[in-house]
Amino acid sequence: MLEPTIIPIRKKPRYGFHSHTENLNGRLAMLGFIALVLVELKLGHGLLTW
């Protein structure tokens, strides 16, 4: 039997859980949390209180 000379390269799927999308999501969550804390410090009360 002959061995293949070219190894196919698989493309990464554009959906689902991957390390790069999880890193981006975590970074955006941290930025949002810091922004919320800064707004609450500036206003003097919680932003999520009624």
Protein backbone atom coordinates (compact mmCIF):
# COMPACT_ATOMS: atom_id res chain seq x y z
CA MET A 1 0.00 0.00 0.00
CA LEU A 2 1.27 3.48 -0.84
CA GLU A 3 1.77 6.11 1.82
CA PRO A 4 0.35 9.59 1.07
CA THR A 5 2.99 12.16 0.17
CA ILE A 6 0.92 15.20 1.21
CA ILE A 7 -0.59 15.47 4.67
CA PRO A 8 -3.88 17.39 4.57
CA ILE A 9 -4.13 20.47 6.78
CA ARG A 10 -7.38 20.75 8.73
CA LYS A 11 -9.00 24.16 9.07
CA LYS A 12 -10.14 25.24 12.50
CA PRO A 13 -13.91 25.50 12.82
CA ARG A 14 -15.25 29.04 13.16
CA TYR A 15 -17.62 28.18 16.00
CA GLY A 16 -17.53 26.43 19.35
CA PHE A 17 -15.21 26.55 22.33
CA HIS A 18 -11.62 27.25 21.40
CA SER A 19 -8.74 28.64 23.39
CA HIS A 20 -8.52 31.91 21.43
CA THR A 21 -12.24 32.67 21.77
CA GLU A 22 -12.20 31.81 25.47
CA ASN A 23 -9.19 34.11 26.01
CA LEU A 24 -10.96 36.95 24.22
CA ASN A 25 -14.14 36.41 26.22
CA GLY A 26 -12.22 36.42 29.50
CA ARG A 27 -10.36 39.60 28.63
CA LEU A 28 -13.54 41.42 27.66
CA ALA A 29 -15.22 40.27 30.89
CA MET A 30 -12.29 41.62 32.93
CA LEU A 31 -12.45 44.96 31.12
CA GLY A 32 -16.20 45.18 31.72
CA PHE A 33 -15.79 44.41 35.40
CA ILE A 34 -13.11 47.07 35.83
CA ALA A 35 -15.28 49.59 33.96
CA LEU A 36 -18.23 48.79 36.24
CA VAL A 37 -16.10 49.27 39.37
CA LEU A 38 -14.79 52.61 38.07
CA VAL A 39 -18.31 53.86 37.27
CA GLU A 40 -19.52 52.84 40.72
CA LEU A 41 -16.62 54.67 42.36
CA LYS A 42 -17.34 57.79 40.29
CA LEU A 43 -21.10 57.77 41.04
CA GLY A 44 -20.71 56.91 44.71
CA HIS A 45 -23.33 54.14 44.60
CA GLY A 46 -23.89 50.86 42.82
CA LEU A 47 -24.94 50.95 39.20
CA LEU A 48 -27.15 47.89 39.59
CA THR A 49 -29.18 49.19 42.54
CA TRP A 50 -32.71 50.51 42.08
